[in-house]
Amino acid sequence: MTDNGATGALTPFVELDRADWSELARSTPQPLSETEIVQLRGLGDVLDMREVAEVYLPLSRLLNLYAAGTQHLHRATSDFLGERAARTPFVIGVAGSVAVGKSTVSRLLRELLSRWDNTPRVELITTDGFLYPNAELERRGLMGRKGFPESYDRRALMRFVTDVKSGVPEVRAPFYSHLSYDIIPDAQVIVRQPDILIVEGLNVLQSPAAGSLAISDLFDFSVYVDAATSSIEHWYVERFLKLQQGAFANPQSYFHRFAGLSRDEAVAVAHEIWKSINEPNLIQNVRPTRSRAKLVLRKSPEHKVSSVLLRKL
């Protein structure tokens, strides 16, 4: 465990190396089977039983403690006010670059947190559903900036999380298809009063505009998945190549036009997309939000978490 304040470089985080972090939940039983872990793993991820035990079991235990503490604070506040307000969901934000593995982290946390007795109902929503439809992005001249903050209907996203946090019995979100690369009309994701809501997306930790709220203001906890830019680019290219051999082969895929490329051509296209869209968005919009997270998972070039930064209380 390190605290850079001791060397004069003040930081709001305590950094724990993987070995120290894994000791924090050594006695916590592993609730997932190897088959379940494989099913949760995203393209290019190296998630395995050891990674779950050493990194994500301690994180799920910490989040469980935070959720329980929030429930206790809610009860104490209700007693103080002389009312019995309904308990509202504990909301977790998960942010990070394209291809860094935040979707796998989010799915894994959903499964782990649902195994704790006091949080059996855990829902996951991605901000992809709040992207403007492609037709609207084309109208606004934003197709080349898909994933940048301005490509999202941020008001709709704020309404959705506000309604969930307020205890609305049933809240609906648009459904996004990665096959068609677009919002699907008349398809919805329905969230019904979960114990925990996980909100995953590139820009979920962005600062609010002056005089307004940001979605991150509604989070009870937030996680940023971090890695070196060069590592993320490599993972992005490798994922692109796997998709080219898989999903892109489907004639219904938005990226079907790339299916017939040679390996060298596909690598060149992947690097161009990274350099023109994903890297600028990471540098300009995503990575600057890292310091707003309560916990940062730092990944090594091998796609494994090497250390954890936890914000000091």
C-alpha atoms as a PDB file:
ATOM      1  CA  MET A   1       0.000   0.000   0.000  1.00  0.00           C
ATOM      2  CA  THR A   2       1.321   3.440  -0.879  1.00  0.00           C
ATOM      3  CA  ASP A   3       0.290   6.977  -0.072  1.00  0.00           C
ATOM      4  CA  ASN A   4       2.173   9.467  -2.186  1.00  0.00           C
ATOM      5  CA  GLY A   5       1.565  12.112   0.431  1.00  0.00           C
ATOM      6  CA  ALA A   6       4.529  10.670   2.308  1.00  0.00           C
ATOM      7  CA  THR A   7       6.856  11.759  -0.476  1.00  0.00           C
ATOM      8  CA  GLY A   8       5.371  15.215  -0.801  1.00  0.00           C
ATOM      9  CA  ALA A   9       3.139  14.489  -3.791  1.00  0.00           C
ATOM     10  CA  LEU A  10      -0.311  14.879  -2.218  1.00  0.00           C
ATOM     11  CA  THR A  11      -3.073  12.740  -3.668  1.00  0.00           C
ATOM     12  CA  PRO A  12      -6.674  12.031  -2.662  1.00  0.00           C
ATOM     13  CA  PHE A  13      -6.090   8.304  -3.328  1.00  0.00           C
ATOM     14  CA  VAL A  14      -4.464   5.443  -1.476  1.00  0.00           C
ATOM     15  CA  GLU A  15      -2.796   3.054  -3.922  1.00  0.00           C
ATOM     16  CA  LEU A  16      -2.755  -0.666  -3.182  1.00  0.00           C
ATOM     17  CA  ASP A  17      -0.774  -3.121  -5.255  1.00  0.00           C
ATOM     18  CA  ARG A  18      -2.558  -6.257  -6.350  1.00  0.00           C
ATOM     19  CA  ALA A  19      -1.131  -8.422  -3.587  1.00  0.00           C
ATOM     20  CA  ASP A  20      -2.273  -6.085  -0.801  1.00  0.00           C
ATOM     21  CA  TRP A  21      -5.687  -5.571  -2.432  1.00  0.00           C
ATOM     22  CA  SER A  22      -6.321  -9.314  -2.819  1.00  0.00           C
ATOM     23  CA  GLU A  23      -5.707  -9.869   0.916  1.00  0.00           C
ATOM     24  CA  LEU A  24      -8.725  -7.686   1.773  1.00  0.00           C
ATOM     25  CA  ALA A  25     -11.214 -10.415   0.870  1.00  0.00           C
ATOM     26  CA  ARG A  26      -9.139 -13.543   1.308  1.00  0.00           C
ATOM     27  CA  SER A  27     -11.902 -15.306   3.252  1.00  0.00           C
ATOM     28  CA  THR A  28     -14.712 -14.309   0.846  1.00  0.00           C
ATOM     29  CA  PRO A  29     -15.993 -17.424  -0.963  1.00  0.00           C
ATOM     30  CA  GLN A  30     -15.884 -17.540  -4.763  1.00  0.00           C
ATOM     31  CA  PRO A  31     -19.545 -17.496  -5.905  1.00  0.00           C
ATOM     32  CA  LEU A  32     -18.933 -17.911  -9.637  1.00  0.00           C
ATOM     33  CA  SER A  33     -18.008 -20.998 -11.607  1.00  0.00           C
ATOM     34  CA  GLU A  34     -15.382 -21.021 -14.325  1.00  0.00           C
ATOM     35  CA  THR A  35     -18.140 -21.408 -16.940  1.00  0.00           C
ATOM     36  CA  GLU A  36     -19.932 -18.310 -15.630  1.00  0.00           C
ATOM     37  CA  ILE A  37     -16.705 -16.304 -15.772  1.00  0.00           C
ATOM     38  CA  VAL A  38     -16.070 -17.344 -19.380  1.00  0.00           C
ATOM     39  CA  GLN A  39     -19.611 -16.245 -20.278  1.00  0.00           C
ATOM     40  CA  LEU A  40     -19.034 -12.835 -18.678  1.00  0.00           C
ATOM     41  CA  ARG A  41     -15.703 -12.251 -20.377  1.00  0.00           C
ATOM     42  CA  GLY A  42     -15.590  -9.768 -23.256  1.00  0.00           C
ATOM     43  CA  LEU A  43     -13.585 -10.090 -26.476  1.00  0.00           C
ATOM     44  CA  GLY A  44      -9.891  -9.783 -25.699  1.00  0.00           C
ATOM     45  CA  ASP A  45     -10.318  -9.892 -21.927  1.00  0.00           C
ATOM     46  CA  VAL A  46      -8.246 -12.376 -19.937  1.00  0.00           C
ATOM     47  CA  LEU A  47     -10.664 -12.672 -17.032  1.00  0.00           C
ATOM     48  CA  ASP A  48     -10.205 -15.925 -15.109  1.00  0.00           C
ATOM     49  CA  MET A  49     -10.861 -17.420 -11.677  1.00  0.00           C
ATOM     50  CA  ARG A  50      -7.705 -15.913 -10.218  1.00  0.00           C
ATOM     51  CA  GLU A  51      -8.487 -12.418 -11.498  1.00  0.00           C
ATOM     52  CA  VAL A  52     -11.975 -12.620 -10.027  1.00  0.00           C
ATOM     53  CA  ALA A  53     -10.681 -13.868  -6.666  1.00  0.00           C
ATOM     54  CA  GLU A  54      -7.825 -11.393  -6.331  1.00  0.00           C
ATOM     55  CA  VAL A  55      -9.416  -8.242  -7.798  1.00  0.00           C
ATOM     56  CA  TYR A  56     -13.175  -8.372  -8.100  1.00  0.00           C
ATOM     57  CA  LEU A  57     -14.182 -10.262  -4.959  1.00  0.00           C
ATOM     58  CA  PRO A  58     -12.523  -7.555  -2.806  1.00  0.00           C
ATOM     59  CA  LEU A  59     -14.240  -4.896  -4.927  1.00  0.00           C
ATOM     60  CA  SER A  60     -17.635  -6.547  -4.564  1.00  0.00           C
ATOM     61  CA  ARG A  61     -17.090  -6.781  -0.795  1.00  0.00           C
ATOM     62  CA  LEU A  62     -16.169  -3.096  -0.623  1.00  0.00           C
ATOM     63  CA  LEU A  63     -19.229  -2.132  -2.675  1.00  0.00           C
ATOM     64  CA  ASN A  64     -21.404  -4.301  -0.450  1.00  0.00           C
ATOM     65  CA  LEU A  65     -20.078  -2.444   2.596  1.00  0.00           C
ATOM     66  CA  TYR A  66     -20.797   0.903   0.947  1.00  0.00           C
ATOM     67  CA  ALA A  67     -24.317  -0.187  -0.017  1.00  0.00           C
ATOM     68  CA  ALA A  68     -25.013  -1.445   3.504  1.00  0.00           C
ATOM     69  CA  GLY A  69     -23.617   1.777   4.962  1.00  0.00           C
ATOM     70  CA  THR A  70     -25.857   3.825   2.680  1.00  0.00           C
ATOM     71  CA  GLN A  71     -28.884   1.790   3.779  1.00  0.00           C
ATOM     72  CA  HIS A  72     -27.987   2.435   7.425  1.00  0.00           C
ATOM     73  CA  LEU A  73     -27.575   6.166   6.753  1.00  0.00           C
ATOM     74  CA  HIS A  74     -30.959   6.203   4.999  1.00  0.00           C
ATOM     75  CA  ARG A  75     -32.640   4.632   8.019  1.00  0.00           C
ATOM     76  CA  ALA A  76     -30.920   7.043  10.421  1.00  0.00           C
ATOM     77  CA  THR A  77     -31.899  10.040   8.294  1.00  0.00           C
ATOM     78  CA  SER A  78     -35.512   8.849   8.061  1.00  0.00           C
ATOM     79  CA  ASP A  79     -35.626   8.472  11.861  1.00  0.00           C
ATOM     80  CA  PHE A  80     -34.159  11.952  12.276  1.00  0.00           C
ATOM     81  CA  LEU A  81     -36.766  13.457   9.953  1.00  0.00           C
ATOM     82  CA  GLY A  82     -39.583  11.450  11.511  1.00  0.00           C
ATOM     83  CA  GLU A  83     -40.573   9.815   8.230  1.00  0.00           C
ATOM     84  CA  ARG A  84     -40.368   6.457   6.532  1.00  0.00           C
ATOM     85  CA  ALA A  85     -39.147   7.221   3.042  1.00  0.00           C
ATOM     86  CA  ALA A  86     -38.706   4.233   0.746  1.00  0.00           C
ATOM     87  CA  ARG A  87     -35.136   3.041   0.271  1.00  0.00           C
ATOM     88  CA  THR A  88     -33.673   4.086  -3.074  1.00  0.00           C
ATOM     89  CA  PRO A  89     -31.226   2.114  -5.229  1.00  0.00           C
ATOM     90  CA  PHE A  90     -27.484   2.305  -4.666  1.00  0.00           C
ATOM     91  CA  VAL A  91     -26.079   3.603  -7.970  1.00  0.00           C
ATOM     92  CA  ILE A  92     -22.591   2.727  -9.254  1.00  0.00           C
ATOM     93  CA  GLY A  93     -20.956   4.405 -12.255  1.00  0.00           C
ATOM     94  CA  VAL A  94     -18.321   2.531 -14.300  1.00  0.00           C
ATOM     95  CA  ALA A  95     -16.232   4.589 -16.743  1.00  0.00           C
ATOM     96  CA  GLY A  96     -13.229   4.105 -18.995  1.00  0.00           C
ATOM     97  CA  SER A  97     -12.083   4.004 -22.591  1.00  0.00           C
ATOM     98  CA  VAL A  98     -13.393   1.947 -25.461  1.00  0.00           C
ATOM     99  CA  ALA A  99     -11.759  -1.532 -25.311  1.00  0.00           C
ATOM    100  CA  VAL A 100     -10.404  -1.152 -21.759  1.00  0.00           C
ATOM    101  CA  GLY A 101     -12.789  -3.782 -20.393  1.00  0.00           C
ATOM    102  CA  LYS A 102     -15.350  -1.696 -18.517  1.00  0.00           C
ATOM    103  CA  SER A 103     -18.278  -3.705 -19.920  1.00  0.00           C
ATOM    104  CA  THR A 104     -16.771  -6.940 -18.574  1.00  0.00           C
ATOM    105  CA  VAL A 105     -16.151  -5.263 -15.202  1.00  0.00           C
ATOM    106  CA  SER A 106     -19.765  -4.074 -15.105  1.00  0.00           C
ATOM    107  CA  ARG A 107     -21.230  -7.479 -15.987  1.00  0.00           C
ATOM    108  CA  LEU A 108     -18.990  -9.169 -13.440  1.00  0.00           C
ATOM    109  CA  LEU A 109     -19.944  -6.745 -10.676  1.00  0.00           C
ATOM    110  CA  ARG A 110     -23.616  -7.276 -11.473  1.00  0.00           C
ATOM    111  CA  GLU A 111     -23.197 -11.011 -10.900  1.00  0.00           C
ATOM    112  CA  LEU A 112     -21.028 -10.712  -7.796  1.00  0.00           C
ATOM    113  CA  LEU A 113     -23.161  -8.067  -6.103  1.00  0.00           C
ATOM    114  CA  SER A 114     -26.350 -10.031  -6.730  1.00  0.00           C
ATOM    115  CA  ARG A 115     -24.884 -12.898  -4.654  1.00  0.00           C
ATOM    116  CA  TRP A 116     -24.808 -10.768  -1.477  1.00  0.00           C
ATOM    117  CA  ASP A 117     -27.879 -11.292   0.721  1.00  0.00           C
ATOM    118  CA  ASN A 118     -28.761  -7.598   1.085  1.00  0.00           C
ATOM    119  CA  THR A 119     -28.493  -6.738  -2.643  1.00  0.00           C
ATOM    120  CA  PRO A 120     -30.127  -9.574  -4.622  1.00  0.00           C
ATOM    121  CA  ARG A 121     -31.567  -7.349  -7.365  1.00  0.00           C
ATOM    122  CA  VAL A 122     -28.828  -5.720  -9.438  1.00  0.00           C
ATOM    123  CA  GLU A 123     -29.487  -4.081 -12.806  1.00  0.00           C
ATOM    124  CA  LEU A 124     -26.986  -2.905 -15.425  1.00  0.00           C
ATOM    125  CA  ILE A 125     -27.598  -0.137 -17.948  1.00  0.00           C
ATOM    126  CA  THR A 126     -25.131   1.095 -20.567  1.00  0.00           C
ATOM    127  CA  THR A 127     -25.176   4.631 -21.887  1.00  0.00           C
ATOM    128  CA  ASP A 128     -25.104   3.298 -25.472  1.00  0.00           C
ATOM    129  CA  GLY A 129     -28.902   3.335 -25.329  1.00  0.00           C
ATOM    130  CA  PHE A 130     -28.798   7.099 -24.875  1.00  0.00           C
ATOM    131  CA  LEU A 131     -26.789   7.782 -28.006  1.00  0.00           C
ATOM    132  CA  TYR A 132     -28.804   9.746 -30.518  1.00  0.00           C
ATOM    133  CA  PRO A 133     -30.067   7.532 -33.375  1.00  0.00           C
ATOM    134  CA  ASN A 134     -27.757   7.471 -36.384  1.00  0.00           C
ATOM    135  CA  ALA A 135     -30.199   9.535 -38.431  1.00  0.00           C
ATOM    136  CA  GLU A 136     -30.067  12.282 -35.805  1.00  0.00           C
ATOM    137  CA  LEU A 137     -26.277  12.055 -35.557  1.00  0.00           C
ATOM    138  CA  GLU A 138     -26.092  12.426 -39.341  1.00  0.00           C
ATOM    139  CA  ARG A 139     -28.416  15.435 -39.206  1.00  0.00           C
ATOM    140  CA  ARG A 140     -26.191  17.060 -36.594  1.00  0.00           C
ATOM    141  CA  GLY A 141     -22.959  16.141 -38.363  1.00  0.00           C
ATOM    142  CA  LEU A 142     -21.851  13.967 -35.443  1.00  0.00           C
ATOM    143  CA  MET A 143     -21.466  10.453 -36.909  1.00  0.00           C
ATOM    144  CA  GLY A 144     -17.693  10.905 -36.866  1.00  0.00           C
ATOM    145  CA  ARG A 145     -17.899  11.829 -33.176  1.00  0.00           C
ATOM    146  CA  LYS A 146     -20.056   8.956 -31.978  1.00  0.00           C
ATOM    147  CA  GLY A 147     -19.160   8.330 -28.346  1.00  0.00           C
ATOM    148  CA  PHE A 148     -18.158  11.943 -27.702  1.00  0.00           C
ATOM    149  CA  PRO A 149     -20.279  13.668 -25.019  1.00  0.00           C
ATOM    150  CA  GLU A 150     -22.332  15.635 -27.558  1.00  0.00           C
ATOM    151  CA  SER A 151     -23.488  12.422 -29.294  1.00  0.00           C
ATOM    152  CA  TYR A 152     -25.612  11.428 -26.278  1.00  0.00           C
ATOM    153  CA  ASP A 153     -29.061  12.562 -25.204  1.00  0.00           C
ATOM    154  CA  ARG A 154     -27.759  13.586 -21.816  1.00  0.00           C
ATOM    155  CA  ARG A 155     -31.102  14.958 -20.634  1.00  0.00           C
ATOM    156  CA  ALA A 156     -32.792  11.612 -21.268  1.00  0.00           C
ATOM    157  CA  LEU A 157     -29.988   9.802 -19.442  1.00  0.00           C
ATOM    158  CA  MET A 158     -30.282  12.175 -16.498  1.00  0.00           C
ATOM    159  CA  ARG A 159     -34.067  11.660 -16.370  1.00  0.00           C
ATOM    160  CA  PHE A 160     -33.614   7.901 -16.436  1.00  0.00           C
ATOM    161  CA  VAL A 161     -31.117   7.746 -13.556  1.00  0.00           C
ATOM    162  CA  THR A 162     -33.065  10.361 -11.580  1.00  0.00           C
ATOM    163  CA  ASP A 163     -36.248   8.303 -11.890  1.00  0.00           C
ATOM    164  CA  VAL A 164     -34.471   5.105 -10.799  1.00  0.00           C
ATOM    165  CA  LYS A 165     -32.782   6.901  -7.909  1.00  0.00           C
ATOM    166  CA  SER A 166     -36.142   8.421  -6.910  1.00  0.00           C
ATOM    167  CA  GLY A 167     -37.752   4.999  -6.618  1.00  0.00           C
ATOM    168  CA  VAL A 168     -40.036   5.121  -9.661  1.00  0.00           C
ATOM    169  CA  PRO A 169     -41.498   1.582  -9.935  1.00  0.00           C
ATOM    170  CA  GLU A 170     -40.657   1.064 -13.604  1.00  0.00           C
ATOM    171  CA  VAL A 171     -38.183   3.055 -15.705  1.00  0.00           C
ATOM    172  CA  ARG A 172     -37.510   2.467 -19.412  1.00  0.00           C
ATOM    173  CA  ALA A 173     -34.417   3.144 -21.501  1.00  0.00           C
ATOM    174  CA  PRO A 174     -33.815   2.853 -25.256  1.00  0.00           C
ATOM    175  CA  PHE A 175     -32.128  -0.299 -26.570  1.00  0.00           C
ATOM    176  CA  TYR A 176     -28.917  -0.072 -28.598  1.00  0.00           C
ATOM    177  CA  SER A 177     -27.839  -2.793 -31.024  1.00  0.00           C
ATOM    178  CA  HIS A 178     -24.108  -3.280 -31.560  1.00  0.00           C
ATOM    179  CA  LEU A 179     -24.949  -5.289 -34.667  1.00  0.00           C
ATOM    180  CA  SER A 180     -26.795  -2.457 -36.426  1.00  0.00           C
ATOM    181  CA  TYR A 181     -24.768   0.196 -34.566  1.00  0.00           C
ATOM    182  CA  ASP A 182     -27.986   2.080 -33.861  1.00  0.00           C
ATOM    183  CA  ILE A 183     -30.931   2.555 -31.505  1.00  0.00           C
ATOM    184  CA  ILE A 184     -33.665  -0.031 -32.140  1.00  0.00           C
ATOM    185  CA  PRO A 185     -37.111   1.607 -32.406  1.00  0.00           C
ATOM    186  CA  ASP A 186     -39.762   0.194 -30.061  1.00  0.00           C
ATOM    187  CA  ALA A 187     -37.200  -1.859 -28.111  1.00  0.00           C
ATOM    188  CA  GLN A 188     -36.549  -0.929 -24.485  1.00  0.00           C
ATOM    189  CA  VAL A 189     -34.624  -1.892 -21.392  1.00  0.00           C
ATOM    190  CA  ILE A 190     -36.857  -1.929 -18.305  1.00  0.00           C
ATOM    191  CA  VAL A 191     -35.549  -1.359 -14.787  1.00  0.00           C
ATOM    192  CA  ARG A 192     -37.821  -2.087 -11.822  1.00  0.00           C
ATOM    193  CA  GLN A 193     -36.626  -0.773  -8.450  1.00  0.00           C
ATOM    194  CA  PRO A 194     -33.308  -2.622  -8.108  1.00  0.00           C
ATOM    195  CA  ASP A 195     -31.208  -2.733  -4.958  1.00  0.00           C
ATOM    196  CA  ILE A 196     -28.233  -1.631  -7.078  1.00  0.00           C
ATOM    197  CA  LEU A 197     -28.067   0.023 -10.490  1.00  0.00           C
ATOM    198  CA  ILE A 198     -24.778  -0.066 -12.419  1.00  0.00           C
ATOM    199  CA  VAL A 199     -24.424   2.643 -15.077  1.00  0.00           C
ATOM    200  CA  GLU A 200     -21.616   1.906 -17.542  1.00  0.00           C
ATOM    201  CA  GLY A 201     -20.305   4.290 -20.177  1.00  0.00           C
ATOM    202  CA  LEU A 202     -17.476   6.366 -21.582  1.00  0.00           C
ATOM    203  CA  ASN A 203     -18.557   9.703 -20.172  1.00  0.00           C
ATOM    204  CA  VAL A 204     -20.514   8.900 -17.013  1.00  0.00           C
ATOM    205  CA  LEU A 205     -18.040  10.750 -14.755  1.00  0.00           C
ATOM    206  CA  GLN A 206     -18.067  14.048 -16.637  1.00  0.00           C
ATOM    207  CA  SER A 207     -18.258  17.241 -14.603  1.00  0.00           C
ATOM    208  CA  PRO A 208     -21.556  19.148 -14.617  1.00  0.00           C
ATOM    209  CA  ALA A 209     -21.996  22.341 -16.560  1.00  0.00           C
ATOM    210  CA  ALA A 210     -22.114  25.491 -14.442  1.00  0.00           C
ATOM    211  CA  GLY A 211     -25.307  25.646 -12.425  1.00  0.00           C
ATOM    212  CA  SER A 212     -26.528  22.170 -13.384  1.00  0.00           C
ATOM    213  CA  LEU A 213     -26.341  18.559 -12.251  1.00  0.00           C
ATOM    214  CA  ALA A 214     -24.324  15.801 -13.884  1.00  0.00           C
ATOM    215  CA  ILE A 215     -25.271  12.142 -13.910  1.00  0.00           C
ATOM    216  CA  SER A 216     -22.265  11.473 -11.664  1.00  0.00           C
ATOM    217  CA  ASP A 217     -23.943  13.559  -8.944  1.00  0.00           C
ATOM    218  CA  LEU A 218     -26.426  10.701  -8.587  1.00  0.00           C
ATOM    219  CA  PHE A 219     -23.781   8.014  -8.093  1.00  0.00           C
ATOM    220  CA  ASP A 220     -23.118   6.515  -4.670  1.00  0.00           C
ATOM    221  CA  PHE A 221     -19.868   4.991  -5.917  1.00  0.00           C
ATOM    222  CA  SER A 222     -17.834   5.196  -9.111  1.00  0.00           C
ATOM    223  CA  VAL A 223     -15.153   3.063 -10.768  1.00  0.00           C
ATOM    224  CA  TYR A 224     -12.729   4.081 -13.523  1.00  0.00           C
ATOM    225  CA  VAL A 225     -10.995   1.321 -15.499  1.00  0.00           C
ATOM    226  CA  ASP A 226      -7.564   2.620 -16.524  1.00  0.00           C
ATOM    227  CA  ALA A 227      -4.628   1.533 -18.678  1.00  0.00           C
ATOM    228  CA  ALA A 228      -1.869   3.061 -20.784  1.00  0.00           C
ATOM    229  CA  THR A 229      -3.095   4.484 -24.099  1.00  0.00           C
ATOM    230  CA  SER A 230      -0.753   2.215 -26.062  1.00  0.00           C
ATOM    231  CA  SER A 231      -2.198  -0.857 -24.337  1.00  0.00           C
ATOM    232  CA  ILE A 232      -5.782   0.181 -25.018  1.00  0.00           C
ATOM    233  CA  GLU A 233      -5.010   0.816 -28.675  1.00  0.00           C
ATOM    234  CA  HIS A 234      -3.499  -2.659 -28.957  1.00  0.00           C
ATOM    235  CA  TRP A 235      -6.568  -4.212 -27.310  1.00  0.00           C
ATOM    236  CA  TYR A 236      -8.857  -2.215 -29.616  1.00  0.00           C
ATOM    237  CA  VAL A 237      -7.086  -3.462 -32.736  1.00  0.00           C
ATOM    238  CA  GLU A 238      -7.121  -7.069 -31.493  1.00  0.00           C
ATOM    239  CA  ARG A 239     -10.833  -6.811 -30.724  1.00  0.00           C
ATOM    240  CA  PHE A 240     -11.508  -5.314 -34.162  1.00  0.00           C
ATOM    241  CA  LEU A 241      -9.769  -8.292 -35.798  1.00  0.00           C
ATOM    242  CA  LYS A 242     -11.844 -10.772 -33.783  1.00  0.00           C
ATOM    243  CA  LEU A 243     -15.056  -8.937 -34.668  1.00  0.00           C
ATOM    244  CA  GLN A 244     -14.033  -8.933 -38.322  1.00  0.00           C
ATOM    245  CA  GLN A 245     -13.908 -12.722 -38.232  1.00  0.00           C
ATOM    246  CA  GLY A 246     -17.135 -12.924 -36.251  1.00  0.00           C
ATOM    247  CA  ALA A 247     -19.888 -10.322 -35.986  1.00  0.00           C
ATOM    248  CA  PHE A 248     -18.792  -8.332 -39.048  1.00  0.00           C
ATOM    249  CA  ALA A 249     -19.432 -11.394 -41.239  1.00  0.00           C
ATOM    250  CA  ASN A 250     -23.162 -11.001 -40.571  1.00  0.00           C
ATOM    251  CA  PRO A 251     -24.699  -9.129 -43.550  1.00  0.00           C
ATOM    252  CA  GLN A 252     -26.869  -7.207 -41.065  1.00  0.00           C
ATOM    253  CA  SER A 253     -23.813  -5.784 -39.331  1.00  0.00           C
ATOM    254  CA  TYR A 254     -23.136  -2.079 -39.759  1.00  0.00           C
ATOM    255  CA  PHE A 255     -19.456  -3.024 -40.197  1.00  0.00           C
ATOM    256  CA  HIS A 256     -20.068  -5.816 -42.730  1.00  0.00           C
ATOM    257  CA  ARG A 257     -18.106  -3.786 -45.313  1.00  0.00           C
ATOM    258  CA  PHE A 258     -14.930  -4.595 -43.347  1.00  0.00           C
ATOM    259  CA  ALA A 259     -15.488  -8.367 -43.341  1.00  0.00           C
ATOM    260  CA  GLY A 260     -13.592  -8.969 -46.579  1.00  0.00           C
ATOM    261  CA  LEU A 261     -10.480  -7.006 -45.702  1.00  0.00           C
ATOM    262  CA  SER A 262      -7.125  -8.721 -45.460  1.00  0.00           C
ATOM    263  CA  ARG A 263      -5.539  -8.819 -42.013  1.00  0.00           C
ATOM    264  CA  ASP A 264      -3.159  -5.961 -42.877  1.00  0.00           C
ATOM    265  CA  GLU A 265      -6.018  -3.872 -44.264  1.00  0.00           C
ATOM    266  CA  ALA A 266      -8.147  -4.550 -41.187  1.00  0.00           C
ATOM    267  CA  VAL A 267      -5.282  -3.563 -38.875  1.00  0.00           C
ATOM    268  CA  ALA A 268      -4.833  -0.309 -40.808  1.00  0.00           C
ATOM    269  CA  VAL A 269      -8.564   0.477 -40.592  1.00  0.00           C
ATOM    270  CA  ALA A 270      -8.643  -0.283 -36.848  1.00  0.00           C
ATOM    271  CA  HIS A 271      -5.673   2.011 -36.189  1.00  0.00           C
ATOM    272  CA  GLU A 272      -7.306   4.769 -38.250  1.00  0.00           C
ATOM    273  CA  ILE A 273     -10.587   4.534 -36.325  1.00  0.00           C
ATOM    274  CA  TRP A 274      -8.645   4.552 -33.055  1.00  0.00           C
ATOM    275  CA  LYS A 275      -6.519   7.550 -33.997  1.00  0.00           C
ATOM    276  CA  SER A 276      -9.362   9.610 -35.475  1.00  0.00           C
ATOM    277  CA  ILE A 277     -12.157   8.893 -32.959  1.00  0.00           C
ATOM    278  CA  ASN A 278     -11.391   6.789 -29.895  1.00  0.00           C
ATOM    279  CA  GLU A 279      -8.006   8.183 -28.872  1.00  0.00           C
ATOM    280  CA  PRO A 280      -9.067  11.860 -29.154  1.00  0.00           C
ATOM    281  CA  ASN A 281     -12.204  11.097 -27.132  1.00  0.00           C
ATOM    282  CA  LEU A 282     -10.121   9.293 -24.504  1.00  0.00           C
ATOM    283  CA  ILE A 283      -7.648  12.151 -24.192  1.00  0.00           C
ATOM    284  CA  GLN A 284     -10.111  15.032 -24.392  1.00  0.00           C
ATOM    285  CA  ASN A 285     -13.137  13.685 -22.529  1.00  0.00           C
ATOM    286  CA  VAL A 286     -12.754  10.290 -20.857  1.00  0.00           C
ATOM    287  CA  ARG A 287      -9.400  10.226 -19.069  1.00  0.00           C
ATOM    288  CA  PRO A 288      -9.839  13.724 -17.538  1.00  0.00           C
ATOM    289  CA  THR A 289     -12.732  12.251 -15.507  1.00  0.00           C
ATOM    290  CA  ARG A 290     -10.517   9.601 -13.885  1.00  0.00           C
ATOM    291  CA  SER A 291      -9.778  11.749 -10.837  1.00  0.00           C
ATOM    292  CA  ARG A 292     -13.519  12.018 -10.111  1.00  0.00           C
ATOM    293  CA  ALA A 293     -13.840   8.271  -9.505  1.00  0.00           C
ATOM    294  CA  LYS A 294     -13.873   6.790  -6.017  1.00  0.00           C
ATOM    295  CA  LEU A 295     -11.860   3.813  -7.185  1.00  0.00           C
ATOM    296  CA  VAL A 296      -9.478   3.304 -10.122  1.00  0.00           C
ATOM    297  CA  LEU A 297      -8.567  -0.133 -11.486  1.00  0.00           C
ATOM    298  CA  ARG A 298      -5.176   0.080 -13.214  1.00  0.00           C
ATOM    299  CA  LYS A 299      -4.525  -2.561 -15.853  1.00  0.00           C
ATOM    300  CA  SER A 300      -1.170  -3.827 -17.080  1.00  0.00           C
ATOM    301  CA  PRO A 301      -0.407  -4.417 -20.788  1.00  0.00           C
ATOM    302  CA  GLU A 302      -1.473  -8.042 -20.162  1.00  0.00           C
ATOM    303  CA  HIS A 303      -5.057  -6.810 -19.545  1.00  0.00           C
ATOM    304  CA  LYS A 304      -4.866  -7.720 -15.841  1.00  0.00           C
ATOM    305  CA  VAL A 305      -5.422  -5.344 -12.928  1.00  0.00           C
ATOM    306  CA  SER A 306      -2.037  -4.485 -11.402  1.00  0.00           C
ATOM    307  CA  SER A 307      -3.079  -1.976  -8.722  1.00  0.00           C
ATOM    308  CA  VAL A 308      -6.083  -0.257  -7.216  1.00  0.00           C
ATOM    309  CA  LEU A 309      -6.458   3.388  -6.210  1.00  0.00           C
ATOM    310  CA  LEU A 310      -9.107   4.087  -3.584  1.00  0.00           C
ATOM    311  CA  ARG A 311     -10.188   7.604  -2.722  1.00  0.00           C
ATOM    312  CA  LYS A 312      -9.523   8.534   0.877  1.00  0.00           C
ATOM    313  CA  LEU A 313     -12.544   9.131   3.077  1.00  0.00           C
END
